[in-house]
Amino acid sequence: MKHELTIAGQFLTARSTADQAYVRALAAGVEERVRRAEQQGATSIQAWMLVALGLADELNRLNDSLVEVRTGALGQCDALGALFAMAARPAGS
């Protein structure tokens, strides 16, 4: 699906399988970040770079958190499997 957007005064066309409302919400979030960076004195290009850097940082932190959650969940699954194995043993084994 093709989405026509304006972010911080810049027009662009984006292709995505996501629905229009979702893509527009993403664009609004990016636009707000660019606007805040510009209000703090960044030039337009600096603002865009700062937004990109901030989003990359968020992505990396979320990926790290996901790895921690997966690792914890796998550990819990292993512990639960061990408990099931113990419970399944005949008495006196």
Protein backbone atom coordinates (compact mmCIF):
# COMPACT_ATOMS: atom_id res chain seq x y z
CA MET A 1 0.00 0.00 0.00
CA LYS A 2 1.29 3.48 -0.86
CA HIS A 3 1.18 6.20 1.83
CA GLU A 4 1.70 9.89 1.08
CA LEU A 5 3.07 11.73 4.10
CA THR A 6 4.37 15.11 5.12
CA ILE A 7 6.86 15.09 7.97
CA ALA A 8 8.40 18.35 9.17
CA GLY A 9 7.40 20.01 5.92
CA GLN A 10 8.94 17.29 3.77
CA PHE A 11 6.67 15.29 1.44
CA LEU A 12 7.36 11.63 0.88
CA THR A 13 5.69 8.50 -0.38
CA ALA A 14 6.15 5.34 1.67
CA ARG A 15 5.17 1.81 0.78
CA SER A 16 4.01 -0.43 3.60
CA THR A 17 1.60 -3.24 4.29
CA ALA A 18 0.49 -1.39 7.43
CA ASP A 19 -2.77 0.50 7.42
CA GLN A 20 -2.97 4.24 6.82
CA ALA A 21 -3.76 5.18 10.44
CA TYR A 22 -0.72 3.31 11.75
CA VAL A 23 1.66 4.85 9.22
CA ARG A 24 0.28 8.33 9.90
CA ALA A 25 0.72 7.79 13.65
CA LEU A 26 4.36 6.82 13.07
CA ALA A 27 4.87 9.90 10.91
CA ALA A 28 3.32 12.12 13.59
CA GLY A 29 5.70 10.69 16.18
CA VAL A 30 8.72 11.34 13.98
CA GLU A 31 7.48 14.83 13.17
CA GLU A 32 7.11 15.63 16.89
CA ARG A 33 10.67 14.44 17.57
CA VAL A 34 12.05 16.55 14.70
CA ARG A 35 10.12 19.58 15.92
CA ARG A 36 11.46 19.19 19.47
CA ALA A 37 15.05 18.88 18.22
CA GLU A 38 14.64 22.01 16.09
CA GLN A 39 13.15 23.90 19.04
CA GLN A 40 16.29 23.03 20.99
CA GLY A 41 18.42 24.69 18.33
CA ALA A 42 19.24 21.90 15.90
CA THR A 43 19.24 22.65 12.19
CA SER A 44 16.85 20.62 10.07
CA ILE A 45 19.48 18.05 9.06
CA GLN A 46 20.81 17.84 12.62
CA ALA A 47 17.26 17.30 13.88
CA TRP A 48 16.73 14.43 11.45
CA MET A 49 20.05 12.86 12.42
CA LEU A 50 19.24 13.20 16.12
CA VAL A 51 15.84 11.59 15.57
CA ALA A 52 17.43 8.73 13.62
CA LEU A 53 20.02 8.24 16.35
CA GLY A 54 17.35 8.29 19.05
CA LEU A 55 15.20 5.76 17.21
CA ALA A 56 18.22 3.51 16.61
CA ASP A 57 19.03 3.70 20.33
CA GLU A 58 15.45 2.76 21.25
CA LEU A 59 15.53 -0.16 18.82
CA ASN A 60 18.81 -1.47 20.24
CA ARG A 61 17.58 -1.15 23.83
CA LEU A 62 14.31 -2.93 22.97
CA ASN A 63 16.24 -5.71 21.21
CA ASP A 64 18.46 -6.10 24.29
CA SER A 65 15.36 -6.27 26.49
CA LEU A 66 13.80 -8.85 24.19
CA VAL A 67 16.90 -11.03 24.44
CA GLU A 68 16.72 -10.79 28.26
CA VAL A 69 13.02 -11.72 28.26
CA ARG A 70 13.63 -14.65 25.90
CA THR A 71 16.55 -15.89 27.98
CA GLY A 72 14.49 -15.66 31.17
CA ALA A 73 11.52 -17.40 29.56
CA LEU A 74 13.72 -20.22 28.27
CA GLY A 75 15.24 -20.64 31.72
CA GLN A 76 11.77 -20.81 33.25
CA CYS A 77 10.69 -23.37 30.63
CA ASP A 78 13.73 -25.50 31.42
CA ALA A 79 12.96 -25.34 35.14
CA LEU A 80 9.32 -26.21 34.53
CA GLY A 81 10.34 -29.11 32.30
CA ALA A 82 12.60 -30.43 35.06
CA LEU A 83 9.72 -30.21 37.56
CA PHE A 84 7.43 -32.10 35.18
CA ALA A 85 10.09 -34.74 34.66
CA MET A 86 10.46 -35.16 38.42
CA ALA A 87 6.70 -35.36 38.90
CA ALA A 88 6.39 -37.97 36.17
CA ARG A 89 8.89 -40.34 37.79
CA PRO A 90 7.39 -43.30 39.60
CA ALA A 91 7.52 -43.07 43.39
CA GLY A 92 10.73 -44.42 44.87
CA SER A 93 12.82 -43.91 41.71
